[in-house]
Every structure is written in structure tokens, then in C-alpha cells.
C-alpha atoms as a PDB file:
ATOM      1  CA  MET A   1       5.019   9.555 -12.594  1.00  0.00           C
ATOM      2  CA  ASN A   2       4.409   7.244 -15.528  1.00  0.00           C
ATOM      3  CA  ARG A   3       0.897   7.379 -16.981  1.00  0.00           C
ATOM      4  CA  ARG A   4      -0.582   4.852 -19.393  1.00  0.00           C
ATOM      5  CA  MET A   5      -3.722   5.424 -21.400  1.00  0.00           C
ATOM      6  CA  LEU A   6      -6.010   2.419 -21.593  1.00  0.00           C
ATOM      7  CA  PRO A   7      -9.024   3.239 -23.756  1.00  0.00           C
ATOM      8  CA  VAL A   8     -11.832   0.737 -23.459  1.00  0.00           C
ATOM      9  CA  ALA A   9     -15.358   0.464 -24.741  1.00  0.00           C
ATOM     10  CA  MET A  10     -17.294  -1.961 -22.561  1.00  0.00           C
ATOM     11  CA  GLY A  11     -20.077  -3.536 -24.555  1.00  0.00           C
ATOM     12  CA  LEU A  12     -20.420  -0.456 -26.684  1.00  0.00           C
ATOM     13  CA  ILE A  13     -23.145  -1.573 -29.079  1.00  0.00           C
ATOM     14  CA  ALA A  14     -25.052   1.117 -30.925  1.00  0.00           C
ATOM     15  CA  TRP A  15     -28.416   0.679 -32.456  1.00  0.00           C
ATOM     16  CA  ILE A  16     -31.488   2.569 -33.623  1.00  0.00           C
ATOM     17  CA  SER A  17     -34.642   0.932 -32.414  1.00  0.00           C
ATOM     18  CA  SER A  18     -37.795   1.125 -34.565  1.00  0.00           C
ATOM     19  CA  GLY A  19     -40.400   3.494 -33.198  1.00  0.00           C
ATOM     20  CA  SER A  20     -37.848   5.199 -30.974  1.00  0.00           C
ATOM     21  CA  ASP A  21     -35.295   7.923 -31.539  1.00  0.00           C
ATOM     22  CA  THR A  22     -32.965   6.598 -28.797  1.00  0.00           C
ATOM     23  CA  LEU A  23     -29.374   6.097 -29.900  1.00  0.00           C
ATOM     24  CA  SER A  24     -27.267   4.207 -27.303  1.00  0.00           C
ATOM     25  CA  ALA A  25     -23.654   3.120 -26.954  1.00  0.00           C
ATOM     26  CA  GLN A  26     -24.352   0.339 -24.464  1.00  0.00           C
ATOM     27  CA  VAL A  27     -27.184  -2.135 -24.122  1.00  0.00           C
ATOM     28  CA  GLY A  28     -29.333  -1.094 -21.200  1.00  0.00           C
ATOM     29  CA  THR A  29     -28.252   2.568 -21.219  1.00  0.00           C
ATOM     30  CA  PRO A  30     -31.160   4.559 -19.776  1.00  0.00           C
ATOM     31  CA  VAL A  31     -32.741   7.288 -21.845  1.00  0.00           C
ATOM     32  CA  ILE A  32     -32.720  10.694 -20.161  1.00  0.00           C
ATOM     33  CA  GLY A  33     -36.150  12.017 -21.151  1.00  0.00           C
ATOM     34  CA  ASP A  34     -36.307  12.036 -24.929  1.00  0.00           C
ATOM     35  CA  GLN A  35     -32.586  12.787 -25.166  1.00  0.00           C
ATOM     36  CA  ARG A  36     -30.496  10.542 -27.408  1.00  0.00           C
ATOM     37  CA  THR A  37     -27.346   9.483 -25.569  1.00  0.00           C
ATOM     38  CA  ILE A  38     -24.052   7.641 -25.830  1.00  0.00           C
ATOM     39  CA  ARG A  39     -22.548   6.052 -22.753  1.00  0.00           C
ATOM     40  CA  ALA A  40     -18.827   5.210 -22.727  1.00  0.00           C
ATOM     41  CA  SER A  41     -16.426   3.837 -20.138  1.00  0.00           C
ATOM     42  CA  GLY A  42     -12.710   4.417 -19.676  1.00  0.00           C
ATOM     43  CA  VAL A  43      -9.876   3.132 -17.519  1.00  0.00           C
ATOM     44  CA  GLY A  44      -6.880   5.112 -16.319  1.00  0.00           C
ATOM     45  CA  GLU A  45      -3.665   3.862 -14.738  1.00  0.00           C
ATOM     46  CA  VAL A  46      -0.856   5.767 -13.054  1.00  0.00           C
ATOM     47  CA  THR A  47       2.416   4.160 -11.982  1.00  0.00           C
ATOM     48  CA  VAL A  48       4.162   6.070  -9.232  1.00  0.00           C
ATOM     49  CA  GLN A  49       7.516   5.517  -7.565  1.00  0.00           C
ATOM     50  CA  SER A  50       7.393   4.977  -3.800  1.00  0.00           C
ATOM     51  CA  ASP A  51       8.844   7.968  -1.970  1.00  0.00           C
ATOM     52  CA  MET A  52       8.608   6.949   1.693  1.00  0.00           C
ATOM     53  CA  ALA A  53       9.150   3.810   3.762  1.00  0.00           C
ATOM     54  CA  THR A  54       8.474   2.427   7.234  1.00  0.00           C
ATOM     55  CA  ILE A  55      10.888  -0.050   8.838  1.00  0.00           C
ATOM     56  CA  GLN A  56       9.683  -2.169  11.762  1.00  0.00           C
ATOM     57  CA  PHE A  57      12.468  -2.948  14.263  1.00  0.00           C
ATOM     58  CA  ALA A  58      11.816  -5.300  17.178  1.00  0.00           C
ATOM     59  CA  VAL A  59      13.757  -6.118  20.337  1.00  0.00           C
ATOM     60  CA  GLU A  60      12.958  -9.332  22.228  1.00  0.00           C
ATOM     61  CA  THR A  61      14.445 -10.189  25.613  1.00  0.00           C
ATOM     62  CA  THR A  62      13.836 -12.832  28.274  1.00  0.00           C
ATOM     63  CA  GLY A  63      14.322 -12.953  32.028  1.00  0.00           C
ATOM     64  CA  THR A  64      13.472 -15.034  35.058  1.00  0.00           C
ATOM     65  CA  THR A  65      11.152 -12.254  36.266  1.00  0.00           C
ATOM     66  CA  ALA A  66       8.931  -9.798  34.427  1.00  0.00           C
ATOM     67  CA  GLN A  67      11.021  -6.899  35.704  1.00  0.00           C
ATOM     68  CA  GLU A  68      14.234  -8.484  34.456  1.00  0.00           C
ATOM     69  CA  ALA A  69      12.836  -9.105  30.952  1.00  0.00           C
ATOM     70  CA  ALA A  70      11.301  -5.618  30.744  1.00  0.00           C
ATOM     71  CA  GLY A  71      14.443  -3.906  32.053  1.00  0.00           C
ATOM     72  CA  ALA A  72      16.739  -5.689  29.618  1.00  0.00           C
ATOM     73  CA  ASN A  73      14.362  -4.842  26.802  1.00  0.00           C
ATOM     74  CA  ALA A  74      14.247  -1.153  27.721  1.00  0.00           C
ATOM     75  CA  ASP A  75      18.048  -0.925  27.827  1.00  0.00           C
ATOM     76  CA  LEU A  76      18.434  -2.627  24.457  1.00  0.00           C
ATOM     77  CA  MET A  77      15.704  -0.578  22.767  1.00  0.00           C
ATOM     78  CA  ASP A  78      17.217   2.631  24.127  1.00  0.00           C
ATOM     79  CA  ALA A  79      20.491   1.622  22.473  1.00  0.00           C
ATOM     80  CA  VAL A  80      18.723   0.896  19.161  1.00  0.00           C
ATOM     81  CA  ILE A  81      16.859   4.221  19.170  1.00  0.00           C
ATOM     82  CA  GLY A  82      20.020   6.083  20.142  1.00  0.00           C
ATOM     83  CA  ALA A  83      21.942   4.510  17.259  1.00  0.00           C
ATOM     84  CA  LEU A  84      19.172   5.377  14.792  1.00  0.00           C
ATOM     85  CA  ARG A  85      19.037   8.960  16.059  1.00  0.00           C
ATOM     86  CA  GLY A  86      22.796   9.119  15.613  1.00  0.00           C
ATOM     87  CA  ALA A  87      22.314   7.965  12.002  1.00  0.00           C
ATOM     88  CA  GLY A  88      20.082  10.955  11.301  1.00  0.00           C
ATOM     89  CA  VAL A  89      16.583   9.676  12.173  1.00  0.00           C
ATOM     90  CA  GLY A  90      14.499  12.436  13.776  1.00  0.00           C
ATOM     91  CA  GLU A  91      12.499  11.983  16.959  1.00  0.00           C
ATOM     92  CA  ASP A  92       9.253  12.539  15.027  1.00  0.00           C
ATOM     93  CA  GLN A  93      10.174   9.652  12.691  1.00  0.00           C
ATOM     94  CA  ILE A  94      10.205   7.061  15.506  1.00  0.00           C
ATOM     95  CA  GLU A  95       7.048   5.572  16.997  1.00  0.00           C
ATOM     96  CA  THR A  96       6.385   2.566  19.231  1.00  0.00           C
ATOM     97  CA  SER A  97       4.031   0.293  17.313  1.00  0.00           C
ATOM     98  CA  GLN A  98       3.753  -2.704  19.641  1.00  0.00           C
ATOM     99  CA  TYR A  99       4.798  -3.794  23.128  1.00  0.00           C
ATOM    100  CA  SER A 100       4.132  -7.070  24.948  1.00  0.00           C
ATOM    101  CA  LEU A 101       5.313  -8.803  28.137  1.00  0.00           C
ATOM    102  CA  PHE A 102       4.142 -12.328  28.860  1.00  0.00           C
ATOM    103  CA  PRO A 103       5.132 -15.437  30.830  1.00  0.00           C
ATOM    104  CA  GLU A 104       6.701 -18.511  29.241  1.00  0.00           C
ATOM    105  CA  TYR A 105       5.725 -21.896  30.627  1.00  0.00           C
ATOM    106  CA  ALA A 106       7.630 -25.122  31.105  1.00  0.00           C
ATOM    107  CA  ARG A 107       5.244 -27.746  29.823  1.00  0.00           C
ATOM    108  CA  PRO A 108       5.368 -31.362  30.987  1.00  0.00           C
ATOM    109  CA  PRO A 109       5.913 -34.157  28.465  1.00  0.00           C
ATOM    110  CA  ARG A 110       2.781 -35.142  26.576  1.00  0.00           C
ATOM    111  CA  GLY A 111       0.865 -37.897  28.307  1.00  0.00           C
ATOM    112  CA  SER A 112       2.567 -37.458  31.674  1.00  0.00           C
ATOM    113  CA  ASP A 113       0.745 -36.955  34.971  1.00  0.00           C
ATOM    114  CA  ALA A 114       2.942 -34.027  35.987  1.00  0.00           C
ATOM    115  CA  ASP A 115       1.582 -30.910  37.592  1.00  0.00           C
ATOM    116  CA  PRO A 116       0.122 -28.101  35.411  1.00  0.00           C
ATOM    117  CA  PRO A 117       2.643 -25.954  33.495  1.00  0.00           C
ATOM    118  CA  VAL A 118       4.732 -23.622  35.601  1.00  0.00           C
ATOM    119  CA  ILE A 119       6.230 -20.261  34.658  1.00  0.00           C
ATOM    120  CA  ARG A 120       9.878 -20.653  33.691  1.00  0.00           C
ATOM    121  CA  GLY A 121      10.483 -17.038  32.727  1.00  0.00           C
ATOM    122  CA  TYR A 122       9.181 -13.967  30.907  1.00  0.00           C
ATOM    123  CA  ARG A 123       9.547 -12.569  27.396  1.00  0.00           C
ATOM    124  CA  ALA A 124       9.349  -8.879  26.517  1.00  0.00           C
ATOM    125  CA  SER A 125       8.923  -7.616  22.953  1.00  0.00           C
ATOM    126  CA  ASN A 126       9.092  -3.992  21.860  1.00  0.00           C
ATOM    127  CA  GLN A 127       8.577  -2.896  18.250  1.00  0.00           C
ATOM    128  CA  VAL A 128       9.228   0.564  16.820  1.00  0.00           C
ATOM    129  CA  ALA A 129       8.345   1.958  13.407  1.00  0.00           C
ATOM    130  CA  ILE A 130      10.879   4.188  11.663  1.00  0.00           C
ATOM    131  CA  GLU A 131       9.645   6.419   8.827  1.00  0.00           C
ATOM    132  CA  SER A 132      12.106   7.662   6.231  1.00  0.00           C
ATOM    133  CA  THR A 133      12.043   9.394   2.872  1.00  0.00           C
ATOM    134  CA  ASP A 134      15.711   8.551   2.258  1.00  0.00           C
ATOM    135  CA  LEU A 135      15.023   5.337   0.368  1.00  0.00           C
ATOM    136  CA  GLU A 136      18.630   4.919  -0.705  1.00  0.00           C
ATOM    137  CA  GLY A 137      19.688   4.864   2.937  1.00  0.00           C
ATOM    138  CA  LEU A 138      17.225   2.204   4.135  1.00  0.00           C
ATOM    139  CA  GLY A 139      19.761  -0.623   4.007  1.00  0.00           C
ATOM    140  CA  GLU A 140      22.174   1.390   6.136  1.00  0.00           C
ATOM    141  CA  LEU A 141      19.439   2.148   8.702  1.00  0.00           C
ATOM    142  CA  ILE A 142      18.568  -1.539   8.973  1.00  0.00           C
ATOM    143  CA  ASP A 143      22.199  -2.436   9.569  1.00  0.00           C
ATOM    144  CA  VAL A 144      22.556   0.316  12.190  1.00  0.00           C
ATOM    145  CA  GLY A 145      19.508  -0.972  14.071  1.00  0.00           C
ATOM    146  CA  LEU A 146      20.701  -4.574  13.975  1.00  0.00           C
ATOM    147  CA  ALA A 147      24.192  -3.641  15.103  1.00  0.00           C
ATOM    148  CA  ALA A 148      22.746  -1.709  18.058  1.00  0.00           C
ATOM    149  CA  GLY A 149      20.771  -4.696  19.340  1.00  0.00           C
ATOM    150  CA  ALA A 150      17.541  -5.093  17.355  1.00  0.00           C
ATOM    151  CA  ASN A 151      17.043  -8.819  16.896  1.00  0.00           C
ATOM    152  CA  ARG A 152      14.152  -8.729  14.418  1.00  0.00           C
ATOM    153  CA  VAL A 153      13.157  -6.641  11.422  1.00  0.00           C
ATOM    154  CA  ASN A 154       9.519  -7.140  10.481  1.00  0.00           C
ATOM    155  CA  GLY A 155       9.941  -5.998   6.900  1.00  0.00           C
ATOM    156  CA  VAL A 156       9.723  -2.634   5.136  1.00  0.00           C
ATOM    157  CA  MET A 157       6.494  -0.949   3.990  1.00  0.00           C
ATOM    158  CA  PHE A 158       6.732   1.408   0.991  1.00  0.00           C
ATOM    159  CA  ASP A 159       4.173   4.132   0.352  1.00  0.00           C
ATOM    160  CA  VAL A 160       3.681   7.493  -1.352  1.00  0.00           C
ATOM    161  CA  ILE A 161       3.577  10.817   0.471  1.00  0.00           C
ATOM    162  CA  ASP A 162       0.814  12.345  -1.687  1.00  0.00           C
ATOM    163  CA  PRO A 163      -1.608   9.567  -2.773  1.00  0.00           C
ATOM    164  CA  ALA A 164      -4.306  12.100  -3.721  1.00  0.00           C
ATOM    165  CA  ALA A 165      -2.233  13.346  -6.663  1.00  0.00           C
ATOM    166  CA  SER A 166      -1.901   9.820  -8.074  1.00  0.00           C
ATOM    167  CA  LYS A 167      -5.637   9.142  -7.706  1.00  0.00           C
ATOM    168  CA  SER A 168      -6.488  12.439  -9.418  1.00  0.00           C
ATOM    169  CA  ALA A 169      -4.168  11.631 -12.334  1.00  0.00           C
ATOM    170  CA  ALA A 170      -5.711   8.166 -12.757  1.00  0.00           C
ATOM    171  CA  LEU A 171      -9.246   9.605 -12.686  1.00  0.00           C
ATOM    172  CA  SER A 172      -8.284  12.253 -15.239  1.00  0.00           C
ATOM    173  CA  ASP A 173      -6.960   9.557 -17.584  1.00  0.00           C
ATOM    174  CA  ALA A 174     -10.088   7.435 -17.098  1.00  0.00           C
ATOM    175  CA  VAL A 175     -12.414  10.330 -17.994  1.00  0.00           C
ATOM    176  CA  ALA A 176     -10.261  11.254 -21.013  1.00  0.00           C
ATOM    177  CA  ASN A 177     -10.410   7.655 -22.230  1.00  0.00           C
ATOM    178  CA  ALA A 178     -14.186   7.539 -21.787  1.00  0.00           C
ATOM    179  CA  ARG A 179     -14.529  10.674 -23.922  1.00  0.00           C
ATOM    180  CA  ALA A 180     -12.177   9.252 -26.563  1.00  0.00           C
ATOM    181  CA  SER A 181     -14.301   6.085 -26.771  1.00  0.00           C
ATOM    182  CA  ALA A 182     -17.485   8.113 -27.046  1.00  0.00           C
ATOM    183  CA  GLU A 183     -15.991  10.265 -29.823  1.00  0.00           C
ATOM    184  CA  THR A 184     -14.969   7.139 -31.751  1.00  0.00           C
ATOM    185  CA  ILE A 185     -18.512   5.770 -31.524  1.00  0.00           C
ATOM    186  CA  ALA A 186     -20.095   9.088 -32.455  1.00  0.00           C
ATOM    187  CA  SER A 187     -17.822   9.389 -35.480  1.00  0.00           C
ATOM    188  CA  ALA A 188     -18.720   5.883 -36.641  1.00  0.00           C
ATOM    189  CA  LEU A 189     -22.427   6.702 -36.304  1.00  0.00           C
ATOM    190  CA  GLY A 190     -22.072  10.067 -38.062  1.00  0.00           C
ATOM    191  CA  VAL A 191     -23.274  12.105 -35.093  1.00  0.00           C
ATOM    192  CA  GLN A 192     -21.742  14.735 -32.799  1.00  0.00           C
ATOM    193  CA  LEU A 193     -21.290  14.524 -29.044  1.00  0.00           C
ATOM    194  CA  GLY A 194     -23.171  17.046 -26.954  1.00  0.00           C
ATOM    195  CA  GLU A 195     -22.925  17.959 -23.289  1.00  0.00           C
ATOM    196  CA  VAL A 196     -22.208  15.525 -20.477  1.00  0.00           C
ATOM    197  CA  LEU A 197     -25.468  14.381 -18.879  1.00  0.00           C
ATOM    198  CA  ASP A 198     -24.091  12.033 -16.238  1.00  0.00           C
ATOM    199  CA  ALA A 199     -20.757  10.700 -14.994  1.00  0.00           C
ATOM    200  CA  SER A 200     -19.526   8.285 -12.346  1.00  0.00           C
ATOM    201  CA  THR A 201     -15.977   7.457 -11.325  1.00  0.00           C
ATOM    202  CA  ASN A 202     -14.111   5.171  -8.969  1.00  0.00           C
ATOM    203  CA  ALA A 203     -10.399   5.059  -8.080  1.00  0.00           C
ATOM    204  CA  ASP A 204      -8.513   2.391  -6.170  1.00  0.00           C
ATOM    205  CA  PRO A 205      -6.668   3.570  -3.066  1.00  0.00           C
ATOM    206  CA  VAL A 206      -2.883   3.706  -3.147  1.00  0.00           C
ATOM    207  CA  ARG A 207      -1.924   0.549  -1.267  1.00  0.00           C
ATOM    208  CA  PRO A 208       1.415   0.313   0.571  1.00  0.00           C
ATOM    209  CA  VAL A 209       3.862  -2.279  -0.784  1.00  0.00           C
ATOM    210  CA  PHE A 210       5.445  -4.669   1.723  1.00  0.00           C
ATOM    211  CA  ARG A 211       8.990  -5.959   1.259  1.00  0.00           C
ATOM    212  CA  ALA A 212      10.235  -8.743   3.515  1.00  0.00           C
ATOM    213  CA  VAL A 213      13.819  -8.446   4.737  1.00  0.00           C
ATOM    214  CA  ALA A 214      15.902 -11.538   3.975  1.00  0.00           C
ATOM    215  CA  ALA A 215      16.003 -13.950   6.932  1.00  0.00           C
ATOM    216  CA  GLU A 216      19.786 -13.964   6.960  1.00  0.00           C
ATOM    217  CA  ALA A 217      19.779 -10.195   7.455  1.00  0.00           C
ATOM    218  CA  MET A 218      17.658 -10.623  10.578  1.00  0.00           C
ATOM    219  CA  GLU A 219      19.575 -13.547  12.067  1.00  0.00           C
ATOM    220  CA  MET A 220      23.135 -12.604  11.185  1.00  0.00           C
ATOM    221  CA  ASP A 221      25.739 -11.033  13.438  1.00  0.00           C
ATOM    222  CA  ALA A 222      24.979  -7.425  12.528  1.00  0.00           C
ATOM    223  CA  ALA A 223      28.549  -6.259  13.163  1.00  0.00           C
ATOM    224  CA  ALA A 224      29.827  -8.539  10.405  1.00  0.00           C
ATOM    225  CA  ALA A 225      26.976  -7.948   7.951  1.00  0.00           C
ATOM    226  CA  ALA A 226      27.201  -6.361   4.540  1.00  0.00           C
ATOM    227  CA  LEU A 227      24.842  -3.520   3.653  1.00  0.00           C
ATOM    228  CA  THR A 228      21.286  -4.874   3.465  1.00  0.00           C
ATOM    229  CA  PRO A 229      19.916  -4.348  -0.091  1.00  0.00           C
ATOM    230  CA  ILE A 230      16.438  -2.760  -0.272  1.00  0.00           C
ATOM    231  CA  GLU A 231      14.601  -1.976  -3.539  1.00  0.00           C
ATOM    232  CA  PRO A 232      11.452   0.181  -3.237  1.00  0.00           C
ATOM    233  CA  GLY A 233       9.773  -0.514  -6.605  1.00  0.00           C
ATOM    234  CA  GLU A 234       6.595   1.124  -7.915  1.00  0.00           C
ATOM    235  CA  GLN A 235       2.890   1.300  -7.087  1.00  0.00           C
ATOM    236  CA  THR A 236       0.022   1.347  -9.572  1.00  0.00           C
ATOM    237  CA  VAL A 237      -3.223   3.275  -9.115  1.00  0.00           C
ATOM    238  CA  SER A 238      -6.247   2.440 -11.294  1.00  0.00           C
ATOM    239  CA  ALA A 239      -9.490   4.314 -11.907  1.00  0.00           C
ATOM    240  CA  VAL A 240     -12.621   3.792 -14.006  1.00  0.00           C
ATOM    241  CA  ALA A 241     -15.093   6.334 -15.356  1.00  0.00           C
ATOM    242  CA  SER A 242     -18.499   6.011 -16.990  1.00  0.00           C
ATOM    243  CA  VAL A 243     -19.830   9.065 -18.846  1.00  0.00           C
ATOM    244  CA  VAL A 244     -23.153   9.695 -20.584  1.00  0.00           C
ATOM    245  CA  PHE A 245     -23.061  12.208 -23.441  1.00  0.00           C
ATOM    246  CA  ALA A 246     -25.981  13.813 -25.225  1.00  0.00           C
ATOM    247  CA  ILE A 247     -26.101  13.465 -29.004  1.00  0.00           C
ATOM    248  CA  GLN A 248     -26.428  16.738 -30.893  1.00  0.00           C
END
């Protein structure tokens, strides 16, 4: 986990107003009773390496009847799942994410007086999601699925197993940076920081990163394909903190 400290002081303007003993580090900072305060803000960022991925495999088949399209699809998807299980994917790592079966129509030429469209066949589509923590083996899994009969790969989604740890680290950095800014201001004003009177924080969620699989990897003859290259990359989590300190 790579952490970067980004100290900021957002509009940190200090002044002593005549007739008042309020000392503030930001215009508009509320006074808590008669307490002199300094408000400071900080930003924290944590860069974390993705440690899990989800691959979306799809099988599409057609037939002259709904039963024919659905049956062909079931046979092909069974072969795909069997091949993935044989490659080491556990049963709990495979989940059906989408299934559809719909008619396809033969449409008359535009402008003709032909009868309304008629059904010319049916199309079945079944999509399964495969979760894996073996990021180095993702390319091999994609090739196994394609070779077994999958005719579409709807990309790869990268994520982190424990997003709470990354958010906590970013929040910790943000609070530390807010304190560092407040200490810099207090030192410049010749005062000492007291206790924390108020604090607010906000952290961005860890968002999954989508990677599209090259079109040629989806359309190629899988048996003749080279290993599909997949690079997971990194995800960045940001947090902000605003802290109000008393002045001793």
C-alpha cells in the first residue's frame, strides 16, 4: 500500500478582530463559546494494488425454436464452466449474472407493404461471473473459457478484498495532515494548539476498475490464440478531514 501525504490549508487566514478575542484559521470559522480556535483541513490519499478480479463470460446461441436456442446454450455453457472448473476455479467462484431468451424477427424492407415482422428464430444469452484472486492467471482463464465455447468476454473488473483498510488509512492521513496544517498556523501565530473541539471527515469509496478485453481476443479462434494479456493496475482512495482545535 503506497501512501502519499498531501497537506493542505484551505483558505487558512488568521486574524485578530478588534473588540474580540477570537483567533481563527479560516474565514467564517464559528466561535465555540468564548473559545479561541483554529480550523484546519487535510487531504489523505492511499494507492492500493487490486487483489481480486471478476471476469464476465457470455455464451450466445441461436435456434429456430426457443427450446433449440436454450438447449444449445445450456450445453455450451456447461462446457465452459466445466473447463473453468478444470482450470482450478471453485464452484463458489462462479455465478450466473444474466440470462435472456428472446425472438429475432425478419423485418420487411423499409417502405414495403409486406406483412408485419415474423419470428425467424430465437437467441439465448447466458453470462457468468468468475471471481479470482489469482491475478497473474487471469489471461489463462480467459483463454480457457474462450476455447471451451464462450463467444464473448464482457471485460474484467478489478477490486480490493478489504476496502475498509484503505479507507481507514486515507482518513488517518487526512487527519494527520489537518493537524500538521494547524500546528504550522499556530507556530506562525505564536500560540499553542489545545484539545480538539470538533472534527468531520469524508472518504471516497473504493471503486472497482474496469478493463476491457481486446476485441480480437473475443472474436479470435480461441484454440489458436496466444495468452490474453491482463494488467490489473492500482486504485486510489481519497479522504478529507476538517478539525477545529482550541488555542491554549
